[in-house]
Amino acid sequence: MKVMFLDESGDHSLEKIDLSYPMFVLAGCIFDMDYYINTVEPAINEFKVKHFNNSNIILRSYDIRKQKGSFACLVDKKKQDFFNEDFNKLFSSLDFNIIAAAINKTHLKKQYSDPDNPYHLCFRFILERIIMYLGRSKEKLIIRIESRETHNDIKLAEVYENFRSQTTYQFAISEIHSKIVDLSFNQKVQNVVGMQIADLVAYPIGRWVLNNIKENKPFEFIKQKIHSKNNIFLNYGLKVFP
């Protein structure tokens, strides 16, 4: 059994777009379930204790970048460098794959007169790529996604059920049902390690899609985990739209 944890970067609103970061990114991290429970969770919790003396701290990309709350100590350059180097080392050692989708909302609005919700679009792209990722294997996968407001969760669950109930030119319903077997929502306060890894992955992906020339050290580690074919990850492990 495999498990995918999903989290986002940016917001899905098309009404007010932050021109400095007009991105919406949904990132999914896929682990073997037993490996996640026995190796990943303990390793991340040990990392938290090592740096913050507290395994209950929630790793959140925005707070780390802005050195807010529990991460205020990272304003100290030596602590920040040690944290980053140690995390990159740990991240590289973990065995998992990333499937993500990214939308530049400004481009989306220019190209489509009535564009769909970016969150829903990205989720569908990822669902499609899960089926392709699992391929002919008999592996099953469950999805764990960060809960937002109840009405947003309901809408996302509808996208999931519609995908599972409609035959497409690519996948038969029986194939979808045999591979993706469950979807559930978790609150950030539940301190789900897999969700935090997905959160940390999403923002650097968005920055890379926005400008793949500018230095982006976190992405150099992240791209090694993105699902690829013949070392090509675009359209395999990373869907960029439009």
C-alpha atoms as a PDB file:
ATOM      1  CA  MET A   1       0.000   0.000   0.000  1.00  0.00           C
ATOM      2  CA  LYS A   2       1.190   3.487  -0.851  1.00  0.00           C
ATOM      3  CA  VAL A   3       0.113   6.793   0.631  1.00  0.00           C
ATOM      4  CA  MET A   4       0.215  10.237  -0.975  1.00  0.00           C
ATOM      5  CA  PHE A   5       0.204  13.392   1.139  1.00  0.00           C
ATOM      6  CA  LEU A   6      -0.942  16.582  -0.590  1.00  0.00           C
ATOM      7  CA  ASP A   7      -0.455  20.214   0.327  1.00  0.00           C
ATOM      8  CA  GLU A   8      -0.516  23.477  -1.582  1.00  0.00           C
ATOM      9  CA  SER A   9       1.417  26.680  -2.092  1.00  0.00           C
ATOM     10  CA  GLY A  10      -0.394  29.907  -2.926  1.00  0.00           C
ATOM     11  CA  ASP A  11      -4.159  30.327  -2.927  1.00  0.00           C
ATOM     12  CA  HIS A  12      -6.696  29.311  -5.537  1.00  0.00           C
ATOM     13  CA  SER A  13      -8.378  32.725  -5.849  1.00  0.00           C
ATOM     14  CA  LEU A  14      -8.540  34.192  -9.336  1.00  0.00           C
ATOM     15  CA  GLU A  15      -9.987  37.483  -8.103  1.00  0.00           C
ATOM     16  CA  LYS A  16      -6.973  38.858  -6.258  1.00  0.00           C
ATOM     17  CA  ILE A  17      -3.638  37.656  -7.604  1.00  0.00           C
ATOM     18  CA  ASP A  18      -0.316  38.415  -5.944  1.00  0.00           C
ATOM     19  CA  LEU A  19       1.827  39.503  -8.899  1.00  0.00           C
ATOM     20  CA  SER A  20       5.030  38.616  -7.019  1.00  0.00           C
ATOM     21  CA  TYR A  21       3.808  35.028  -6.696  1.00  0.00           C
ATOM     22  CA  PRO A  22       0.798  34.415  -8.982  1.00  0.00           C
ATOM     23  CA  MET A  23       1.144  30.664  -8.502  1.00  0.00           C
ATOM     24  CA  PHE A  24      -1.019  27.878  -7.224  1.00  0.00           C
ATOM     25  CA  VAL A  25       0.866  24.614  -6.675  1.00  0.00           C
ATOM     26  CA  LEU A  26      -0.459  21.309  -5.393  1.00  0.00           C
ATOM     27  CA  ALA A  27       2.310  18.899  -4.412  1.00  0.00           C
ATOM     28  CA  GLY A  28       1.928  15.235  -3.562  1.00  0.00           C
ATOM     29  CA  CYS A  29       4.526  13.063  -1.840  1.00  0.00           C
ATOM     30  CA  ILE A  30       4.158   9.301  -2.317  1.00  0.00           C
ATOM     31  CA  PHE A  31       5.556   6.852   0.237  1.00  0.00           C
ATOM     32  CA  ASP A  32       5.316   3.161   0.835  1.00  0.00           C
ATOM     33  CA  MET A  33       3.003   3.048   3.860  1.00  0.00           C
ATOM     34  CA  ASP A  34       5.173   0.800   6.064  1.00  0.00           C
ATOM     35  CA  TYR A  35       8.294   2.801   5.204  1.00  0.00           C
ATOM     36  CA  TYR A  36       6.503   6.040   6.035  1.00  0.00           C
ATOM     37  CA  ILE A  37       5.365   4.792   9.441  1.00  0.00           C
ATOM     38  CA  ASN A  38       8.580   3.038  10.433  1.00  0.00           C
ATOM     39  CA  THR A  39      11.201   5.345   8.932  1.00  0.00           C
ATOM     40  CA  VAL A  40       9.914   8.731   7.769  1.00  0.00           C
ATOM     41  CA  GLU A  41       7.831   9.747  10.776  1.00  0.00           C
ATOM     42  CA  PRO A  42      10.558   8.843  13.327  1.00  0.00           C
ATOM     43  CA  ALA A  43      13.264  10.557  11.249  1.00  0.00           C
ATOM     44  CA  ILE A  44      11.346  13.835  10.913  1.00  0.00           C
ATOM     45  CA  ASN A  45      10.361  13.829  14.583  1.00  0.00           C
ATOM     46  CA  GLU A  46      13.981  13.231  15.566  1.00  0.00           C
ATOM     47  CA  PHE A  47      14.959  16.156  13.327  1.00  0.00           C
ATOM     48  CA  LYS A  48      12.416  18.401  15.075  1.00  0.00           C
ATOM     49  CA  VAL A  49      13.701  17.466  18.511  1.00  0.00           C
ATOM     50  CA  LYS A  50      17.296  18.015  17.394  1.00  0.00           C
ATOM     51  CA  HIS A  51      16.619  21.561  16.197  1.00  0.00           C
ATOM     52  CA  PHE A  52      13.697  22.716  18.361  1.00  0.00           C
ATOM     53  CA  ASN A  53      13.541  20.292  21.304  1.00  0.00           C
ATOM     54  CA  ASN A  54       9.941  19.588  20.376  1.00  0.00           C
ATOM     55  CA  SER A  55       8.480  16.936  18.051  1.00  0.00           C
ATOM     56  CA  ASN A  56       5.091  18.685  18.118  1.00  0.00           C
ATOM     57  CA  ILE A  57       6.354  21.650  16.127  1.00  0.00           C
ATOM     58  CA  ILE A  58       4.764  21.846  12.675  1.00  0.00           C
ATOM     59  CA  LEU A  59       7.158  22.408   9.773  1.00  0.00           C
ATOM     60  CA  ARG A  60       5.549  25.066   7.600  1.00  0.00           C
ATOM     61  CA  SER A  61       7.286  26.605   4.611  1.00  0.00           C
ATOM     62  CA  TYR A  62       5.981  30.156   5.119  1.00  0.00           C
ATOM     63  CA  ASP A  63       6.886  30.283   8.812  1.00  0.00           C
ATOM     64  CA  ILE A  64      10.363  28.888   8.142  1.00  0.00           C
ATOM     65  CA  ARG A  65      11.054  31.368   5.320  1.00  0.00           C
ATOM     66  CA  LYS A  66       9.780  34.306   7.376  1.00  0.00           C
ATOM     67  CA  GLN A  67      11.334  33.019  10.628  1.00  0.00           C
ATOM     68  CA  LYS A  68       8.009  33.326  12.399  1.00  0.00           C
ATOM     69  CA  GLY A  69       6.755  31.728  15.605  1.00  0.00           C
ATOM     70  CA  SER A  70       8.694  28.630  16.568  1.00  0.00           C
ATOM     71  CA  PHE A  71      11.176  29.357  13.766  1.00  0.00           C
ATOM     72  CA  ALA A  72      12.203  32.806  15.003  1.00  0.00           C
ATOM     73  CA  CYS A  73      15.474  31.243  16.165  1.00  0.00           C
ATOM     74  CA  LEU A  74      16.441  30.821  12.505  1.00  0.00           C
ATOM     75  CA  VAL A  75      17.116  34.554  12.307  1.00  0.00           C
ATOM     76  CA  ASP A  76      20.523  33.454  13.618  1.00  0.00           C
ATOM     77  CA  LYS A  77      22.443  32.756  10.382  1.00  0.00           C
ATOM     78  CA  LYS A  78      24.438  29.880  11.868  1.00  0.00           C
ATOM     79  CA  LYS A  79      21.285  28.158  13.124  1.00  0.00           C
ATOM     80  CA  GLN A  80      19.567  28.776   9.802  1.00  0.00           C
ATOM     81  CA  ASP A  81      22.442  27.304   7.805  1.00  0.00           C
ATOM     82  CA  PHE A  82      22.676  24.278  10.100  1.00  0.00           C
ATOM     83  CA  PHE A  83      18.904  23.745   9.872  1.00  0.00           C
ATOM     84  CA  ASN A  84      18.907  23.983   6.070  1.00  0.00           C
ATOM     85  CA  GLU A  85      21.923  21.723   5.575  1.00  0.00           C
ATOM     86  CA  ASP A  86      20.617  19.146   8.012  1.00  0.00           C
ATOM     87  CA  PHE A  87      17.150  19.129   6.482  1.00  0.00           C
ATOM     88  CA  ASN A  88      18.491  18.843   2.926  1.00  0.00           C
ATOM     89  CA  LYS A  89      20.597  15.881   4.008  1.00  0.00           C
ATOM     90  CA  LEU A  90      17.597  14.208   5.640  1.00  0.00           C
ATOM     91  CA  PHE A  91      15.313  15.033   2.701  1.00  0.00           C
ATOM     92  CA  SER A  92      17.762  13.492   0.231  1.00  0.00           C
ATOM     93  CA  SER A  93      18.030  10.308   2.293  1.00  0.00           C
ATOM     94  CA  LEU A  94      14.277   9.637   2.310  1.00  0.00           C
ATOM     95  CA  ASP A  95      12.759   7.318  -0.291  1.00  0.00           C
ATOM     96  CA  PHE A  96       9.683   8.861  -1.892  1.00  0.00           C
ATOM     97  CA  ASN A  97       8.386  10.375  -5.123  1.00  0.00           C
ATOM     98  CA  ILE A  98       6.727  13.680  -5.898  1.00  0.00           C
ATOM     99  CA  ILE A  99       3.839  14.319  -8.259  1.00  0.00           C
ATOM    100  CA  ALA A 100       2.834  17.975  -8.499  1.00  0.00           C
ATOM    101  CA  ALA A 101       0.819  20.395 -10.597  1.00  0.00           C
ATOM    102  CA  ALA A 102       1.426  24.124 -10.933  1.00  0.00           C
ATOM    103  CA  ILE A 103      -0.712  26.897 -12.388  1.00  0.00           C
ATOM    104  CA  ASN A 104       0.284  30.480 -13.085  1.00  0.00           C
ATOM    105  CA  LYS A 105      -3.065  32.128 -12.356  1.00  0.00           C
ATOM    106  CA  THR A 106      -2.280  35.228 -14.426  1.00  0.00           C
ATOM    107  CA  HIS A 107      -1.635  33.070 -17.490  1.00  0.00           C
ATOM    108  CA  LEU A 108      -4.742  30.998 -16.760  1.00  0.00           C
ATOM    109  CA  LYS A 109      -7.000  34.067 -16.723  1.00  0.00           C
ATOM    110  CA  LYS A 110      -5.458  35.428 -19.924  1.00  0.00           C
ATOM    111  CA  GLN A 111      -5.933  32.159 -21.799  1.00  0.00           C
ATOM    112  CA  TYR A 112      -9.412  31.157 -20.568  1.00  0.00           C
ATOM    113  CA  SER A 113     -12.487  33.359 -20.313  1.00  0.00           C
ATOM    114  CA  ASP A 114     -14.051  31.191 -17.593  1.00  0.00           C
ATOM    115  CA  PRO A 115     -11.253  29.165 -15.996  1.00  0.00           C
ATOM    116  CA  ASP A 116     -11.903  26.370 -13.513  1.00  0.00           C
ATOM    117  CA  ASN A 117     -10.783  26.550  -9.889  1.00  0.00           C
ATOM    118  CA  PRO A 118      -6.952  26.114  -9.899  1.00  0.00           C
ATOM    119  CA  TYR A 119      -7.136  23.734  -6.928  1.00  0.00           C
ATOM    120  CA  HIS A 120      -9.589  21.472  -8.748  1.00  0.00           C
ATOM    121  CA  LEU A 121      -7.564  21.569 -11.963  1.00  0.00           C
ATOM    122  CA  CYS A 122      -4.343  20.648 -10.157  1.00  0.00           C
ATOM    123  CA  PHE A 123      -6.037  17.853  -8.240  1.00  0.00           C
ATOM    124  CA  ARG A 124      -7.369  16.301 -11.455  1.00  0.00           C
ATOM    125  CA  PHE A 125      -3.927  16.525 -13.054  1.00  0.00           C
ATOM    126  CA  ILE A 126      -2.451  14.726 -10.057  1.00  0.00           C
ATOM    127  CA  LEU A 127      -5.141  12.037  -9.998  1.00  0.00           C
ATOM    128  CA  GLU A 128      -4.387  11.280 -13.645  1.00  0.00           C
ATOM    129  CA  ARG A 129      -0.677  11.052 -12.934  1.00  0.00           C
ATOM    130  CA  ILE A 130      -1.191   8.756  -9.961  1.00  0.00           C
ATOM    131  CA  ILE A 131      -2.767   6.192 -12.287  1.00  0.00           C
ATOM    132  CA  MET A 132       0.104   6.519 -14.750  1.00  0.00           C
ATOM    133  CA  TYR A 133       2.678   6.401 -11.942  1.00  0.00           C
ATOM    134  CA  LEU A 134       1.283   3.130 -10.581  1.00  0.00           C
ATOM    135  CA  GLY A 135       1.196   1.757 -14.122  1.00  0.00           C
ATOM    136  CA  ARG A 136       0.716  -1.990 -14.376  1.00  0.00           C
ATOM    137  CA  SER A 137       1.656  -2.650 -10.780  1.00  0.00           C
ATOM    138  CA  LYS A 138      -0.962  -3.986  -8.403  1.00  0.00           C
ATOM    139  CA  GLU A 139      -0.141  -1.288  -5.850  1.00  0.00           C
ATOM    140  CA  LYS A 140      -3.002   0.558  -4.205  1.00  0.00           C
ATOM    141  CA  LEU A 141      -2.774   4.142  -2.998  1.00  0.00           C
ATOM    142  CA  ILE A 142      -4.612   6.234  -0.432  1.00  0.00           C
ATOM    143  CA  ILE A 143      -4.666  10.035  -0.495  1.00  0.00           C
ATOM    144  CA  ARG A 144      -4.277  12.259   2.554  1.00  0.00           C
ATOM    145  CA  ILE A 145      -4.851  15.938   1.879  1.00  0.00           C
ATOM    146  CA  GLU A 146      -4.765  19.038   4.063  1.00  0.00           C
ATOM    147  CA  SER A 147      -8.231  20.105   5.124  1.00  0.00           C
ATOM    148  CA  ARG A 148      -9.249  23.662   4.429  1.00  0.00           C
ATOM    149  CA  GLU A 149     -12.724  25.021   5.087  1.00  0.00           C
ATOM    150  CA  THR A 150     -15.503  22.422   5.014  1.00  0.00           C
ATOM    151  CA  HIS A 151     -17.088  23.677   1.788  1.00  0.00           C
ATOM    152  CA  ASN A 152     -13.702  23.499   0.033  1.00  0.00           C
ATOM    153  CA  ASP A 153     -13.202  19.923   1.237  1.00  0.00           C
ATOM    154  CA  ILE A 154     -16.638  18.990  -0.068  1.00  0.00           C
ATOM    155  CA  LYS A 155     -15.874  20.477  -3.497  1.00  0.00           C
ATOM    156  CA  LEU A 156     -12.553  18.661  -3.654  1.00  0.00           C
ATOM    157  CA  ALA A 157     -14.222  15.385  -2.666  1.00  0.00           C
ATOM    158  CA  GLU A 158     -16.623  15.940  -5.573  1.00  0.00           C
ATOM    159  CA  VAL A 159     -13.684  16.296  -7.972  1.00  0.00           C
ATOM    160  CA  TYR A 160     -12.333  13.012  -6.595  1.00  0.00           C
ATOM    161  CA  GLU A 161     -15.651  11.173  -6.953  1.00  0.00           C
ATOM    162  CA  ASN A 162     -16.227  12.543 -10.457  1.00  0.00           C
ATOM    163  CA  PHE A 163     -12.792  11.296 -11.500  1.00  0.00           C
ATOM    164  CA  ARG A 164     -13.594   7.866 -10.092  1.00  0.00           C
ATOM    165  CA  SER A 165     -16.981   7.663 -11.805  1.00  0.00           C
ATOM    166  CA  GLN A 166     -16.258   8.892 -15.329  1.00  0.00           C
ATOM    167  CA  THR A 167     -14.573   6.807 -17.982  1.00  0.00           C
ATOM    168  CA  THR A 168     -11.938   8.812 -19.843  1.00  0.00           C
ATOM    169  CA  TYR A 169     -10.032   8.037 -23.010  1.00  0.00           C
ATOM    170  CA  GLN A 170      -7.068   7.184 -20.797  1.00  0.00           C
ATOM    171  CA  PHE A 171      -8.411   5.120 -17.914  1.00  0.00           C
ATOM    172  CA  ALA A 172     -11.213   2.660 -17.267  1.00  0.00           C
ATOM    173  CA  ILE A 173     -13.243   3.110 -14.085  1.00  0.00           C
ATOM    174  CA  SER A 174     -12.150  -0.335 -12.905  1.00  0.00           C
ATOM    175  CA  GLU A 175      -8.493   0.691 -13.231  1.00  0.00           C
ATOM    176  CA  ILE A 176      -9.048   3.893 -11.236  1.00  0.00           C
ATOM    177  CA  HIS A 177     -10.916   2.029  -8.477  1.00  0.00           C
ATOM    178  CA  SER A 178      -8.256  -0.661  -8.261  1.00  0.00           C
ATOM    179  CA  LYS A 179      -5.472   1.878  -7.765  1.00  0.00           C
ATOM    180  CA  ILE A 180      -6.857   4.848  -5.783  1.00  0.00           C
ATOM    181  CA  VAL A 181      -8.824   3.432  -2.878  1.00  0.00           C
ATOM    182  CA  ASP A 182      -9.353   6.227  -0.350  1.00  0.00           C
ATOM    183  CA  LEU A 183      -9.339   9.988   0.201  1.00  0.00           C
ATOM    184  CA  SER A 184      -9.365  11.716   3.579  1.00  0.00           C
ATOM    185  CA  PHE A 185      -8.668  15.185   4.947  1.00  0.00           C
ATOM    186  CA  ASN A 186      -6.355  16.096   7.822  1.00  0.00           C
ATOM    187  CA  GLN A 187      -6.076  19.339   9.774  1.00  0.00           C
ATOM    188  CA  LYS A 188      -2.651  21.004   9.901  1.00  0.00           C
ATOM    189  CA  VAL A 189      -2.805  20.945  13.717  1.00  0.00           C
ATOM    190  CA  GLN A 190      -2.814  17.130  13.570  1.00  0.00           C
ATOM    191  CA  ASN A 191       0.911  17.348  12.908  1.00  0.00           C
ATOM    192  CA  VAL A 192       0.959  14.930   9.975  1.00  0.00           C
ATOM    193  CA  VAL A 193       4.598  14.534   8.935  1.00  0.00           C
ATOM    194  CA  GLY A 194       3.818  13.642   5.316  1.00  0.00           C
ATOM    195  CA  MET A 195       1.692  16.749   4.928  1.00  0.00           C
ATOM    196  CA  GLN A 196       4.536  18.902   6.216  1.00  0.00           C
ATOM    197  CA  ILE A 197       6.956  17.422   3.691  1.00  0.00           C
ATOM    198  CA  ALA A 198       4.453  18.205   0.925  1.00  0.00           C
ATOM    199  CA  ASP A 199       4.129  21.766   2.255  1.00  0.00           C
ATOM    200  CA  LEU A 200       7.902  22.257   2.142  1.00  0.00           C
ATOM    201  CA  VAL A 201       8.057  20.878  -1.409  1.00  0.00           C
ATOM    202  CA  ALA A 202       5.298  23.001  -2.951  1.00  0.00           C
ATOM    203  CA  TYR A 203       6.724  26.533  -2.677  1.00  0.00           C
ATOM    204  CA  PRO A 204      10.128  25.852  -4.309  1.00  0.00           C
ATOM    205  CA  ILE A 205       8.305  24.133  -7.176  1.00  0.00           C
ATOM    206  CA  GLY A 206       6.160  27.237  -7.637  1.00  0.00           C
ATOM    207  CA  ARG A 207       9.260  29.435  -7.626  1.00  0.00           C
ATOM    208  CA  TRP A 208      10.939  27.214 -10.223  1.00  0.00           C
ATOM    209  CA  VAL A 209       7.910  27.304 -12.535  1.00  0.00           C
ATOM    210  CA  LEU A 210       7.750  31.087 -12.176  1.00  0.00           C
ATOM    211  CA  ASN A 211      11.454  31.531 -12.955  1.00  0.00           C
ATOM    212  CA  ASN A 212      13.600  28.488 -13.666  1.00  0.00           C
ATOM    213  CA  ILE A 213      16.716  30.586 -14.273  1.00  0.00           C
ATOM    214  CA  LYS A 214      16.906  32.181 -10.832  1.00  0.00           C
ATOM    215  CA  GLU A 215      18.864  30.281  -8.163  1.00  0.00           C
ATOM    216  CA  ASN A 216      16.567  27.947  -6.244  1.00  0.00           C
ATOM    217  CA  LYS A 217      18.620  25.687  -3.989  1.00  0.00           C
ATOM    218  CA  PRO A 218      15.681  23.807  -2.418  1.00  0.00           C
ATOM    219  CA  PHE A 219      14.436  22.837  -5.875  1.00  0.00           C
ATOM    220  CA  GLU A 220      17.790  21.221  -6.679  1.00  0.00           C
ATOM    221  CA  PHE A 221      17.041  18.666  -3.945  1.00  0.00           C
ATOM    222  CA  ILE A 222      13.335  18.435  -4.734  1.00  0.00           C
ATOM    223  CA  LYS A 223      13.724  17.701  -8.450  1.00  0.00           C
ATOM    224  CA  GLN A 224      15.597  14.486  -7.627  1.00  0.00           C
ATOM    225  CA  LYS A 225      12.352  13.170  -6.109  1.00  0.00           C
ATOM    226  CA  ILE A 226       9.964  14.270  -8.870  1.00  0.00           C
ATOM    227  CA  HIS A 227       8.596  11.303 -10.793  1.00  0.00           C
ATOM    228  CA  SER A 228      10.251  11.216 -14.204  1.00  0.00           C
ATOM    229  CA  LYS A 229      10.707   9.154 -17.324  1.00  0.00           C
ATOM    230  CA  ASN A 230      14.131   9.104 -18.974  1.00  0.00           C
ATOM    231  CA  ASN A 231      15.099  11.893 -16.549  1.00  0.00           C
ATOM    232  CA  ILE A 232      12.290  14.116 -17.827  1.00  0.00           C
ATOM    233  CA  PHE A 233       9.874  15.204 -15.098  1.00  0.00           C
ATOM    234  CA  LEU A 234       7.739  17.783 -16.923  1.00  0.00           C
ATOM    235  CA  ASN A 235       4.314  16.279 -17.744  1.00  0.00           C
ATOM    236  CA  TYR A 236       5.263  13.132 -15.808  1.00  0.00           C
ATOM    237  CA  GLY A 237       5.819  14.168 -12.202  1.00  0.00           C
ATOM    238  CA  LEU A 238       5.182  17.872 -12.739  1.00  0.00           C
ATOM    239  CA  LYS A 239       2.282  19.255 -14.747  1.00  0.00           C
ATOM    240  CA  VAL A 240       2.541  22.948 -15.563  1.00  0.00           C
ATOM    241  CA  PHE A 241      -0.654  24.584 -16.812  1.00  0.00           C
ATOM    242  CA  PRO A 242      -1.611  26.335 -18.968  1.00  0.00           C
END
